[in-house]
Amino acid sequence: MLKEYLSQEKLVQSVLTVEELESLARNRDSLNLMMGLTFDKGQPLDMLKYSLFIMSLSDIIAKEGATVNSNWLIADHFIVDINKDASALEARKQVDKRIGFLQKLNEVYAGNIGFVLSSKLSKRDEYQNNLDRLLEEAKINPEFKRLVLNAVPKERRDNPNALIYPFAELATIQTMDTDIKVGPPYEVFYDGPAREFSPIVGFKKYVAIHLTRGFPFGNPDIPEGVSEEIEAFGILPYKITSKGLADYRIDPINDSLEKVASLIEETTDQRSLVDLLVILNQAKQRLGIKSENVYPTDLRELKDQATSSYTEYVHKPLRG
């Protein structure tokens, strides 16, 4: 059942690796699963894909014999202290809203996902010790440093602080005792190298799962460079302003049904609608409604099914 669930091509893009995850599920009493996310002023629909996936994956692993402790790592200190993208006060407001969103999803879709604030976790002695181990290894081991730099975008590798973000992220993952990490497609460029260099410092070699790309709705005019990035990696699931496309994203907490229906109607990229139906089918199943997952090829049918399913399985449960 586990392998079958992870083989859904419209939902899962890659797993590093299925065999390791199957072994963990069979041989461990409990596993720790995490997803790291930044945030902004919005609660993107795409977070349902990840949340519902984590909920169902946890249930399936439980049937294999291991319980799963799932957490969102809400990266407030990354935003405030490392990236300098928001003030502490503004971050706190958005953290509270993101936690409220998670609690609502747990309540409606029978989930048990917890949360960890990076600001609190980074104050733990274990975190600082893990970070120090990474920094020390980078000083004495050029090969280790080279491997870590593979996880940093090329244009940032000459920056003297290039290693701070990946080291802080890896120290966080290790401090959370992570067995399974779920994230968007672009994180394969971090998780692949991390699986190589983690054992060098005695860190756990976690299983990484990347879900499929998300696309904007409507018919936005997207600059060529941004379009290429979306084609490669999709839009960030947890940040509604990703690629400057907030007006073409769906926010199930804040958007009216009329706005969502209008966005769906104006959508020209069928991939956006198919991805939406993937999310809606997950929601339907979490609500206990069993049916075959159907993805029409006709654009009109796609839009009609997407609108009606969104109303029944997302809007009404979350806002009704």
C-alpha atoms as a PDB file:
ATOM      1  CA  MET A   1       0.000   0.000   0.000  1.00  0.00           C
ATOM      2  CA  LEU A   2       2.874   2.380   0.825  1.00  0.00           C
ATOM      3  CA  LYS A   3       4.602   1.932  -2.516  1.00  0.00           C
ATOM      4  CA  GLU A   4       1.280   2.267  -4.335  1.00  0.00           C
ATOM      5  CA  TYR A   5       0.488   5.524  -2.550  1.00  0.00           C
ATOM      6  CA  LEU A   6       3.902   6.977  -3.375  1.00  0.00           C
ATOM      7  CA  SER A   7       3.637   5.945  -7.032  1.00  0.00           C
ATOM      8  CA  GLN A   8       0.863   8.451  -7.820  1.00  0.00           C
ATOM      9  CA  GLU A   9       2.521  10.466 -10.578  1.00  0.00           C
ATOM     10  CA  LYS A  10       0.130  13.407 -10.305  1.00  0.00           C
ATOM     11  CA  LEU A  11       0.901  13.743  -6.588  1.00  0.00           C
ATOM     12  CA  VAL A  12       4.473  12.535  -5.953  1.00  0.00           C
ATOM     13  CA  GLN A  13       7.402  13.644  -8.113  1.00  0.00           C
ATOM     14  CA  SER A  14      10.239  11.782  -6.392  1.00  0.00           C
ATOM     15  CA  VAL A  15      11.183   9.791  -3.298  1.00  0.00           C
ATOM     16  CA  LEU A  16      14.736   9.353  -1.976  1.00  0.00           C
ATOM     17  CA  THR A  17      14.123   6.402  -1.560  1.00  0.00           C
ATOM     18  CA  VAL A  18      11.010   4.199  -1.382  1.00  0.00           C
ATOM     19  CA  GLU A  19      12.999   1.159  -0.239  1.00  0.00           C
ATOM     20  CA  GLU A  20      14.459   3.059   2.732  1.00  0.00           C
ATOM     21  CA  LEU A  21      11.014   4.293   3.720  1.00  0.00           C
ATOM     22  CA  GLU A  22       9.533   0.801   3.510  1.00  0.00           C
ATOM     23  CA  SER A  23      12.321  -0.495   5.726  1.00  0.00           C
ATOM     24  CA  LEU A  24      11.751   2.266   8.276  1.00  0.00           C
ATOM     25  CA  ALA A  25       8.012   1.586   8.349  1.00  0.00           C
ATOM     26  CA  ARG A  26       8.577  -2.126   8.949  1.00  0.00           C
ATOM     27  CA  ASN A  27      11.404  -1.940  11.469  1.00  0.00           C
ATOM     28  CA  ARG A  28      10.745   1.113  13.610  1.00  0.00           C
ATOM     29  CA  ASP A  29       8.066   1.744  16.259  1.00  0.00           C
ATOM     30  CA  SER A  30       7.876   5.456  15.473  1.00  0.00           C
ATOM     31  CA  LEU A  31       9.112   7.845  12.782  1.00  0.00           C
ATOM     32  CA  ASN A  32       9.519  11.606  12.703  1.00  0.00           C
ATOM     33  CA  LEU A  33       8.238  13.426   9.625  1.00  0.00           C
ATOM     34  CA  MET A  34       8.709  17.125   8.967  1.00  0.00           C
ATOM     35  CA  MET A  35       8.018  19.763   6.360  1.00  0.00           C
ATOM     36  CA  GLY A  36       9.793  23.101   6.540  1.00  0.00           C
ATOM     37  CA  LEU A  37       8.013  26.236   5.411  1.00  0.00           C
ATOM     38  CA  THR A  38       8.414  29.964   5.245  1.00  0.00           C
ATOM     39  CA  PHE A  39       5.287  32.114   5.020  1.00  0.00           C
ATOM     40  CA  ASP A  40       3.761  35.451   4.094  1.00  0.00           C
ATOM     41  CA  LYS A  41       0.333  37.107   4.294  1.00  0.00           C
ATOM     42  CA  GLY A  42      -1.712  34.238   2.950  1.00  0.00           C
ATOM     43  CA  GLN A  43      -2.707  30.595   3.355  1.00  0.00           C
ATOM     44  CA  PRO A  44      -2.202  29.020  -0.093  1.00  0.00           C
ATOM     45  CA  LEU A  45      -4.424  26.205  -1.275  1.00  0.00           C
ATOM     46  CA  ASP A  46      -1.247  24.316  -2.213  1.00  0.00           C
ATOM     47  CA  MET A  47      -0.635  23.693   1.490  1.00  0.00           C
ATOM     48  CA  LEU A  48      -3.599  21.330   1.372  1.00  0.00           C
ATOM     49  CA  LYS A  49      -1.704  19.091  -1.030  1.00  0.00           C
ATOM     50  CA  TYR A  50       1.153  18.755   1.448  1.00  0.00           C
ATOM     51  CA  SER A  51      -0.967  18.549   4.571  1.00  0.00           C
ATOM     52  CA  LEU A  52      -3.382  15.967   3.196  1.00  0.00           C
ATOM     53  CA  PHE A  53      -0.489  13.969   1.760  1.00  0.00           C
ATOM     54  CA  ILE A  54       1.255  13.930   5.148  1.00  0.00           C
ATOM     55  CA  MET A  55      -1.962  12.906   6.900  1.00  0.00           C
ATOM     56  CA  SER A  56      -2.606  10.002   4.539  1.00  0.00           C
ATOM     57  CA  LEU A  57       1.035   8.913   4.421  1.00  0.00           C
ATOM     58  CA  SER A  58       1.071   8.825   8.232  1.00  0.00           C
ATOM     59  CA  ASP A  59      -2.041   6.633   8.265  1.00  0.00           C
ATOM     60  CA  ILE A  60      -0.558   4.227   5.716  1.00  0.00           C
ATOM     61  CA  ILE A  61       2.736   3.937   7.602  1.00  0.00           C
ATOM     62  CA  ALA A  62       0.760   3.264  10.791  1.00  0.00           C
ATOM     63  CA  LYS A  63      -0.807   0.258   9.044  1.00  0.00           C
ATOM     64  CA  GLU A  64       2.732  -0.977   8.334  1.00  0.00           C
ATOM     65  CA  GLY A  65       3.419  -0.912  12.078  1.00  0.00           C
ATOM     66  CA  ALA A  66       5.092   2.432  12.867  1.00  0.00           C
ATOM     67  CA  THR A  67       3.446   5.551  14.241  1.00  0.00           C
ATOM     68  CA  VAL A  68       4.388   8.879  12.656  1.00  0.00           C
ATOM     69  CA  ASN A  69       5.049  12.105  14.534  1.00  0.00           C
ATOM     70  CA  SER A  70       4.419  14.804  11.938  1.00  0.00           C
ATOM     71  CA  ASN A  71       5.343  18.474  12.244  1.00  0.00           C
ATOM     72  CA  TRP A  72       5.455  21.608  10.180  1.00  0.00           C
ATOM     73  CA  LEU A  73       8.693  23.463  10.889  1.00  0.00           C
ATOM     74  CA  ILE A  74       7.545  27.094  10.726  1.00  0.00           C
ATOM     75  CA  ALA A  75      10.717  28.945   9.801  1.00  0.00           C
ATOM     76  CA  ASP A  76      10.160  32.229  11.598  1.00  0.00           C
ATOM     77  CA  HIS A  77      13.773  32.723  12.665  1.00  0.00           C
ATOM     78  CA  PHE A  78      14.954  31.997   9.106  1.00  0.00           C
ATOM     79  CA  ILE A  79      12.717  34.847   7.899  1.00  0.00           C
ATOM     80  CA  VAL A  80      13.561  37.311  10.670  1.00  0.00           C
ATOM     81  CA  ASP A  81      17.170  36.558  11.637  1.00  0.00           C
ATOM     82  CA  ILE A  82      18.734  34.919   8.581  1.00  0.00           C
ATOM     83  CA  ASN A  83      16.938  36.287   5.506  1.00  0.00           C
ATOM     84  CA  LYS A  84      15.873  39.582   7.160  1.00  0.00           C
ATOM     85  CA  ASP A  85      12.578  39.402   5.238  1.00  0.00           C
ATOM     86  CA  ALA A  86      10.221  40.515   8.033  1.00  0.00           C
ATOM     87  CA  SER A  87      10.151  42.090  11.447  1.00  0.00           C
ATOM     88  CA  ALA A  88       9.666  39.870  14.481  1.00  0.00           C
ATOM     89  CA  LEU A  89       6.238  41.455  15.130  1.00  0.00           C
ATOM     90  CA  GLU A  90       4.999  40.905  11.593  1.00  0.00           C
ATOM     91  CA  ALA A  91       6.372  37.361  11.565  1.00  0.00           C
ATOM     92  CA  ARG A  92       4.549  36.581  14.816  1.00  0.00           C
ATOM     93  CA  LYS A  93       1.232  37.697  13.303  1.00  0.00           C
ATOM     94  CA  GLN A  94       1.731  35.503  10.278  1.00  0.00           C
ATOM     95  CA  VAL A  95       2.931  32.568  12.384  1.00  0.00           C
ATOM     96  CA  ASP A  96      -0.314  32.694  14.370  1.00  0.00           C
ATOM     97  CA  LYS A  97      -2.362  32.685  11.166  1.00  0.00           C
ATOM     98  CA  ARG A  98      -0.392  29.784   9.724  1.00  0.00           C
ATOM     99  CA  ILE A  99      -0.847  27.778  12.920  1.00  0.00           C
ATOM    100  CA  GLY A 100      -4.570  28.551  12.831  1.00  0.00           C
ATOM    101  CA  PHE A 101      -4.682  27.267   9.248  1.00  0.00           C
ATOM    102  CA  LEU A 102      -2.967  24.039  10.265  1.00  0.00           C
ATOM    103  CA  GLN A 103      -5.311  23.539  13.213  1.00  0.00           C
ATOM    104  CA  LYS A 104      -8.305  24.002  10.924  1.00  0.00           C
ATOM    105  CA  LEU A 105      -6.944  21.466   8.449  1.00  0.00           C
ATOM    106  CA  ASN A 106      -6.361  18.957  11.249  1.00  0.00           C
ATOM    107  CA  GLU A 107      -9.893  19.478  12.542  1.00  0.00           C
ATOM    108  CA  VAL A 108     -11.638  19.183   9.168  1.00  0.00           C
ATOM    109  CA  TYR A 109      -9.551  16.446   7.549  1.00  0.00           C
ATOM    110  CA  ALA A 110      -8.817  14.282  10.595  1.00  0.00           C
ATOM    111  CA  GLY A 111      -5.108  15.028  10.749  1.00  0.00           C
ATOM    112  CA  ASN A 112      -2.589  15.106  13.549  1.00  0.00           C
ATOM    113  CA  ILE A 113       0.138  17.422  12.259  1.00  0.00           C
ATOM    114  CA  GLY A 114       1.907  19.476  14.905  1.00  0.00           C
ATOM    115  CA  PHE A 115       4.180  22.459  14.506  1.00  0.00           C
ATOM    116  CA  VAL A 116       7.618  23.570  15.659  1.00  0.00           C
ATOM    117  CA  LEU A 117       8.854  27.179  15.566  1.00  0.00           C
ATOM    118  CA  SER A 118      12.403  27.504  14.305  1.00  0.00           C
ATOM    119  CA  SER A 119      12.882  30.469  16.651  1.00  0.00           C
ATOM    120  CA  LYS A 120      12.405  28.190  19.642  1.00  0.00           C
ATOM    121  CA  LEU A 121      14.197  25.170  18.244  1.00  0.00           C
ATOM    122  CA  SER A 122      17.264  27.258  17.343  1.00  0.00           C
ATOM    123  CA  LYS A 123      17.707  28.207  21.005  1.00  0.00           C
ATOM    124  CA  ARG A 124      18.176  24.599  22.074  1.00  0.00           C
ATOM    125  CA  ASP A 125      21.673  23.426  22.985  1.00  0.00           C
ATOM    126  CA  GLU A 126      21.305  20.454  20.657  1.00  0.00           C
ATOM    127  CA  TYR A 127      20.659  22.763  17.706  1.00  0.00           C
ATOM    128  CA  GLN A 128      23.719  24.890  18.442  1.00  0.00           C
ATOM    129  CA  ASN A 129      25.867  21.789  18.882  1.00  0.00           C
ATOM    130  CA  ASN A 130      24.675  20.438  15.536  1.00  0.00           C
ATOM    131  CA  LEU A 131      25.367  23.768  13.846  1.00  0.00           C
ATOM    132  CA  ASP A 132      28.847  23.931  15.380  1.00  0.00           C
ATOM    133  CA  ARG A 133      29.629  20.416  14.097  1.00  0.00           C
ATOM    134  CA  LEU A 134      28.735  21.470  10.576  1.00  0.00           C
ATOM    135  CA  LEU A 135      30.756  24.678  10.720  1.00  0.00           C
ATOM    136  CA  GLU A 136      33.796  22.861  12.111  1.00  0.00           C
ATOM    137  CA  GLU A 137      33.622  20.141   9.471  1.00  0.00           C
ATOM    138  CA  ALA A 138      33.465  22.778   6.727  1.00  0.00           C
ATOM    139  CA  LYS A 139      36.700  24.319   8.074  1.00  0.00           C
ATOM    140  CA  ILE A 140      38.695  21.094   8.066  1.00  0.00           C
ATOM    141  CA  ASN A 141      37.106  19.154   5.186  1.00  0.00           C
ATOM    142  CA  PRO A 142      37.134  20.816   1.722  1.00  0.00           C
ATOM    143  CA  GLU A 143      35.191  17.912   0.185  1.00  0.00           C
ATOM    144  CA  PHE A 144      32.432  18.314   2.763  1.00  0.00           C
ATOM    145  CA  LYS A 145      32.246  22.040   1.994  1.00  0.00           C
ATOM    146  CA  ARG A 146      32.039  21.288  -1.716  1.00  0.00           C
ATOM    147  CA  LEU A 147      29.156  18.884  -1.197  1.00  0.00           C
ATOM    148  CA  VAL A 148      27.273  21.393   0.926  1.00  0.00           C
ATOM    149  CA  LEU A 149      27.748  24.135  -1.660  1.00  0.00           C
ATOM    150  CA  ASN A 150      25.940  21.886  -4.149  1.00  0.00           C
ATOM    151  CA  ALA A 151      22.816  22.654  -2.117  1.00  0.00           C
ATOM    152  CA  VAL A 152      23.297  26.416  -2.565  1.00  0.00           C
ATOM    153  CA  PRO A 153      22.109  28.207  -5.755  1.00  0.00           C
ATOM    154  CA  LYS A 154      25.093  28.849  -8.051  1.00  0.00           C
ATOM    155  CA  GLU A 155      24.712  32.616  -7.947  1.00  0.00           C
ATOM    156  CA  ARG A 156      25.069  32.590  -4.145  1.00  0.00           C
ATOM    157  CA  ARG A 157      28.050  30.254  -3.744  1.00  0.00           C
ATOM    158  CA  ASP A 158      30.639  33.059  -3.720  1.00  0.00           C
ATOM    159  CA  ASN A 159      28.852  34.816  -0.856  1.00  0.00           C
ATOM    160  CA  PRO A 160      30.866  34.483   2.395  1.00  0.00           C
ATOM    161  CA  ASN A 161      27.622  33.567   4.175  1.00  0.00           C
ATOM    162  CA  ALA A 162      26.530  31.032   1.547  1.00  0.00           C
ATOM    163  CA  LEU A 163      26.677  28.104   3.979  1.00  0.00           C
ATOM    164  CA  ILE A 164      24.641  29.717   6.754  1.00  0.00           C
ATOM    165  CA  TYR A 165      21.208  28.853   5.370  1.00  0.00           C
ATOM    166  CA  PRO A 166      21.887  25.187   4.438  1.00  0.00           C
ATOM    167  CA  PHE A 167      23.746  24.607   7.720  1.00  0.00           C
ATOM    168  CA  ALA A 168      20.897  26.159   9.724  1.00  0.00           C
ATOM    169  CA  GLU A 169      18.408  24.020   7.803  1.00  0.00           C
ATOM    170  CA  LEU A 170      20.396  20.821   8.254  1.00  0.00           C
ATOM    171  CA  ALA A 171      20.965  21.535  11.958  1.00  0.00           C
ATOM    172  CA  THR A 172      17.196  22.039  12.264  1.00  0.00           C
ATOM    173  CA  ILE A 173      16.402  18.772  10.479  1.00  0.00           C
ATOM    174  CA  GLN A 174      18.855  16.861  12.671  1.00  0.00           C
ATOM    175  CA  THR A 175      17.612  18.493  15.885  1.00  0.00           C
ATOM    176  CA  MET A 176      14.073  17.402  14.961  1.00  0.00           C
ATOM    177  CA  ASP A 177      15.431  13.826  14.600  1.00  0.00           C
ATOM    178  CA  THR A 178      13.905  13.703  11.130  1.00  0.00           C
ATOM    179  CA  ASP A 179      13.335  10.371   9.398  1.00  0.00           C
ATOM    180  CA  ILE A 180      11.131  11.667   6.564  1.00  0.00           C
ATOM    181  CA  LYS A 181      11.149  15.126   5.001  1.00  0.00           C
ATOM    182  CA  VAL A 182       8.394  16.276   2.634  1.00  0.00           C
ATOM    183  CA  GLY A 183       8.840  19.311   0.405  1.00  0.00           C
ATOM    184  CA  PRO A 184       8.367  20.924  -3.022  1.00  0.00           C
ATOM    185  CA  PRO A 185      10.293  19.791  -6.131  1.00  0.00           C
ATOM    186  CA  TYR A 186      13.162  22.286  -5.976  1.00  0.00           C
ATOM    187  CA  GLU A 187      14.250  20.858  -2.600  1.00  0.00           C
ATOM    188  CA  VAL A 188      15.648  17.808  -4.372  1.00  0.00           C
ATOM    189  CA  PHE A 189      18.694  19.989  -5.042  1.00  0.00           C
ATOM    190  CA  TYR A 190      19.130  20.345  -1.303  1.00  0.00           C
ATOM    191  CA  ASP A 191      18.023  16.906  -0.142  1.00  0.00           C
ATOM    192  CA  GLY A 192      20.160  15.008  -2.648  1.00  0.00           C
ATOM    193  CA  PRO A 193      23.443  16.557  -1.456  1.00  0.00           C
ATOM    194  CA  ALA A 194      22.260  16.544   2.170  1.00  0.00           C
ATOM    195  CA  ARG A 195      21.822  12.776   2.032  1.00  0.00           C
ATOM    196  CA  GLU A 196      25.465  12.557   0.922  1.00  0.00           C
ATOM    197  CA  PHE A 197      27.049  14.936   3.390  1.00  0.00           C
ATOM    198  CA  SER A 198      24.895  14.265   6.472  1.00  0.00           C
ATOM    199  CA  PRO A 199      26.643  10.977   7.397  1.00  0.00           C
ATOM    200  CA  ILE A 200      30.043  12.711   7.268  1.00  0.00           C
ATOM    201  CA  VAL A 201      29.188  14.540  10.502  1.00  0.00           C
ATOM    202  CA  GLY A 202      27.175  11.658  11.958  1.00  0.00           C
ATOM    203  CA  PHE A 203      23.762  13.081  11.044  1.00  0.00           C
ATOM    204  CA  LYS A 204      20.775  10.949  10.140  1.00  0.00           C
ATOM    205  CA  LYS A 205      20.252  10.173   6.447  1.00  0.00           C
ATOM    206  CA  TYR A 206      16.587  11.070   6.082  1.00  0.00           C
ATOM    207  CA  VAL A 207      14.158   9.960   3.373  1.00  0.00           C
ATOM    208  CA  ALA A 208      13.112  12.884   1.167  1.00  0.00           C
ATOM    209  CA  ILE A 209       9.760  13.079  -0.638  1.00  0.00           C
ATOM    210  CA  HIS A 210       9.002  15.782  -3.195  1.00  0.00           C
ATOM    211  CA  LEU A 211       5.469  16.430  -4.388  1.00  0.00           C
ATOM    212  CA  THR A 212       4.527  17.588  -7.868  1.00  0.00           C
ATOM    213  CA  ARG A 213       4.714  21.144  -9.170  1.00  0.00           C
ATOM    214  CA  GLY A 214       1.992  23.689  -8.564  1.00  0.00           C
ATOM    215  CA  PHE A 215       0.953  26.263 -11.167  1.00  0.00           C
ATOM    216  CA  PRO A 216      -0.881  29.614 -11.038  1.00  0.00           C
ATOM    217  CA  PHE A 217      -4.537  29.926 -11.968  1.00  0.00           C
ATOM    218  CA  GLY A 218      -6.098  32.456 -14.335  1.00  0.00           C
ATOM    219  CA  ASN A 219      -4.035  33.618 -17.294  1.00  0.00           C
ATOM    220  CA  PRO A 220      -1.145  35.662 -15.886  1.00  0.00           C
ATOM    221  CA  ASP A 221       1.478  37.363 -18.031  1.00  0.00           C
ATOM    222  CA  ILE A 222       4.624  35.721 -16.647  1.00  0.00           C
ATOM    223  CA  PRO A 223       8.123  36.995 -17.532  1.00  0.00           C
ATOM    224  CA  GLU A 224      10.259  34.471 -19.404  1.00  0.00           C
ATOM    225  CA  GLY A 225      12.758  33.876 -16.599  1.00  0.00           C
ATOM    226  CA  VAL A 226      10.020  33.349 -14.029  1.00  0.00           C
ATOM    227  CA  SER A 227       8.143  31.080 -16.431  1.00  0.00           C
ATOM    228  CA  GLU A 228      11.244  28.905 -16.792  1.00  0.00           C
ATOM    229  CA  GLU A 229      11.521  28.596 -12.999  1.00  0.00           C
ATOM    230  CA  ILE A 230       7.858  27.601 -12.718  1.00  0.00           C
ATOM    231  CA  GLU A 231       8.272  25.031 -15.472  1.00  0.00           C
ATOM    232  CA  ALA A 232      11.204  23.531 -13.590  1.00  0.00           C
ATOM    233  CA  PHE A 233       9.981  23.705  -9.999  1.00  0.00           C
ATOM    234  CA  GLY A 234       6.458  25.141  -9.836  1.00  0.00           C
ATOM    235  CA  ILE A 235       5.436  27.859  -7.398  1.00  0.00           C
ATOM    236  CA  LEU A 236       6.244  27.656  -3.700  1.00  0.00           C
ATOM    237  CA  PRO A 237       3.359  25.856  -1.977  1.00  0.00           C
ATOM    238  CA  TYR A 238       3.650  27.742   1.305  1.00  0.00           C
ATOM    239  CA  LYS A 239       4.289  31.318   0.140  1.00  0.00           C
ATOM    240  CA  ILE A 240       1.360  32.878  -1.727  1.00  0.00           C
ATOM    241  CA  THR A 241       3.507  35.695  -3.167  1.00  0.00           C
ATOM    242  CA  SER A 242       5.875  33.191  -4.799  1.00  0.00           C
ATOM    243  CA  LYS A 243       7.021  34.527  -8.195  1.00  0.00           C
ATOM    244  CA  GLY A 244       4.836  37.637  -7.665  1.00  0.00           C
ATOM    245  CA  LEU A 245       1.691  35.654  -8.528  1.00  0.00           C
ATOM    246  CA  ALA A 246      -0.458  36.136  -5.422  1.00  0.00           C
ATOM    247  CA  ASP A 247      -3.388  37.358  -7.555  1.00  0.00           C
ATOM    248  CA  TYR A 248      -3.344  34.040  -9.396  1.00  0.00           C
ATOM    249  CA  ARG A 249      -3.279  31.763  -6.355  1.00  0.00           C
ATOM    250  CA  ILE A 250      -6.198  30.405  -4.321  1.00  0.00           C
ATOM    251  CA  ASP A 251      -6.401  31.130  -0.591  1.00  0.00           C
ATOM    252  CA  PRO A 252      -9.167  28.920   0.848  1.00  0.00           C
ATOM    253  CA  ILE A 253      -9.267  30.826   4.128  1.00  0.00           C
ATOM    254  CA  ASN A 254      -9.483  34.346   2.732  1.00  0.00           C
ATOM    255  CA  ASP A 255     -10.862  34.064  -0.812  1.00  0.00           C
ATOM    256  CA  SER A 256     -14.601  34.113  -1.557  1.00  0.00           C
ATOM    257  CA  LEU A 257     -16.150  31.277  -3.517  1.00  0.00           C
ATOM    258  CA  GLU A 258     -16.917  33.761  -6.296  1.00  0.00           C
ATOM    259  CA  LYS A 259     -13.244  34.761  -6.578  1.00  0.00           C
ATOM    260  CA  VAL A 260     -12.114  31.137  -6.703  1.00  0.00           C
ATOM    261  CA  ALA A 261     -14.730  30.254  -9.341  1.00  0.00           C
ATOM    262  CA  SER A 262     -13.607  33.228 -11.425  1.00  0.00           C
ATOM    263  CA  LEU A 263      -9.944  32.198 -11.210  1.00  0.00           C
ATOM    264  CA  ILE A 264     -10.783  28.656 -12.248  1.00  0.00           C
ATOM    265  CA  GLU A 265     -12.906  29.916 -15.152  1.00  0.00           C
ATOM    266  CA  GLU A 266     -10.091  32.168 -16.413  1.00  0.00           C
ATOM    267  CA  THR A 267      -7.450  29.415 -16.214  1.00  0.00           C
ATOM    268  CA  THR A 268      -5.846  28.434 -19.509  1.00  0.00           C
ATOM    269  CA  ASP A 269      -3.181  26.009 -18.248  1.00  0.00           C
ATOM    270  CA  GLN A 270      -4.811  22.607 -17.795  1.00  0.00           C
ATOM    271  CA  ARG A 271      -1.992  21.538 -15.476  1.00  0.00           C
ATOM    272  CA  SER A 272      -3.232  24.040 -12.886  1.00  0.00           C
ATOM    273  CA  LEU A 273      -6.680  22.466 -12.959  1.00  0.00           C
ATOM    274  CA  VAL A 274      -5.380  18.890 -12.843  1.00  0.00           C
ATOM    275  CA  ASP A 275      -3.205  19.777  -9.842  1.00  0.00           C
ATOM    276  CA  LEU A 276      -6.262  21.349  -8.199  1.00  0.00           C
ATOM    277  CA  LEU A 277      -8.240  18.141  -8.768  1.00  0.00           C
ATOM    278  CA  VAL A 278      -5.384  16.142  -7.217  1.00  0.00           C
ATOM    279  CA  ILE A 279      -5.750  18.272  -4.083  1.00  0.00           C
ATOM    280  CA  LEU A 280      -9.540  18.044  -4.134  1.00  0.00           C
ATOM    281  CA  ASN A 281      -9.491  14.259  -4.534  1.00  0.00           C
ATOM    282  CA  GLN A 282      -7.208  14.024  -1.491  1.00  0.00           C
ATOM    283  CA  ALA A 283      -9.602  16.245   0.467  1.00  0.00           C
ATOM    284  CA  LYS A 284     -12.549  14.127  -0.615  1.00  0.00           C
ATOM    285  CA  GLN A 285     -10.852  10.955   0.567  1.00  0.00           C
ATOM    286  CA  ARG A 286      -9.885  12.518   3.919  1.00  0.00           C
ATOM    287  CA  LEU A 287     -13.565  13.384   4.379  1.00  0.00           C
ATOM    288  CA  GLY A 288     -14.373   9.687   4.013  1.00  0.00           C
ATOM    289  CA  ILE A 289     -15.924   9.882   0.545  1.00  0.00           C
ATOM    290  CA  LYS A 290     -14.659   7.073  -1.653  1.00  0.00           C
ATOM    291  CA  SER A 291     -14.613   7.406  -5.438  1.00  0.00           C
ATOM    292  CA  GLU A 292     -12.339   6.967  -8.423  1.00  0.00           C
ATOM    293  CA  ASN A 293      -9.931   9.804  -9.165  1.00  0.00           C
ATOM    294  CA  VAL A 294     -11.039  11.156 -12.544  1.00  0.00           C
ATOM    295  CA  TYR A 295      -9.156  13.831 -14.499  1.00  0.00           C
ATOM    296  CA  PRO A 296     -11.097  14.975 -17.577  1.00  0.00           C
ATOM    297  CA  THR A 297      -9.097  15.955 -20.659  1.00  0.00           C
ATOM    298  CA  ASP A 298     -11.685  18.474 -21.842  1.00  0.00           C
ATOM    299  CA  LEU A 299     -11.000  21.985 -20.467  1.00  0.00           C
ATOM    300  CA  ARG A 300     -14.683  22.727 -19.881  1.00  0.00           C
ATOM    301  CA  GLU A 301     -15.172  19.518 -17.920  1.00  0.00           C
ATOM    302  CA  LEU A 302     -12.026  20.201 -15.916  1.00  0.00           C
ATOM    303  CA  LYS A 303     -13.268  23.635 -14.896  1.00  0.00           C
ATOM    304  CA  ASP A 304     -16.753  22.427 -13.985  1.00  0.00           C
ATOM    305  CA  GLN A 305     -15.431  19.526 -11.918  1.00  0.00           C
ATOM    306  CA  ALA A 306     -12.835  21.721 -10.235  1.00  0.00           C
ATOM    307  CA  THR A 307     -15.396  24.366  -9.242  1.00  0.00           C
ATOM    308  CA  SER A 308     -17.959  21.930  -7.897  1.00  0.00           C
ATOM    309  CA  SER A 309     -15.394  19.798  -6.062  1.00  0.00           C
ATOM    310  CA  TYR A 310     -13.693  22.841  -4.534  1.00  0.00           C
ATOM    311  CA  THR A 311     -17.065  24.017  -3.221  1.00  0.00           C
ATOM    312  CA  GLU A 312     -17.929  20.646  -1.675  1.00  0.00           C
ATOM    313  CA  TYR A 313     -14.597  19.402  -0.356  1.00  0.00           C
ATOM    314  CA  VAL A 314     -12.692  22.581   0.542  1.00  0.00           C
ATOM    315  CA  HIS A 315     -14.830  25.700   0.760  1.00  0.00           C
ATOM    316  CA  LYS A 316     -17.793  24.274   2.678  1.00  0.00           C
ATOM    317  CA  PRO A 317     -15.727  22.193   5.141  1.00  0.00           C
ATOM    318  CA  LEU A 318     -13.286  25.015   5.878  1.00  0.00           C
ATOM    319  CA  ARG A 319     -15.666  27.962   5.757  1.00  0.00           C
ATOM    320  CA  GLY A 320     -19.156  26.523   6.176  1.00  0.00           C
END
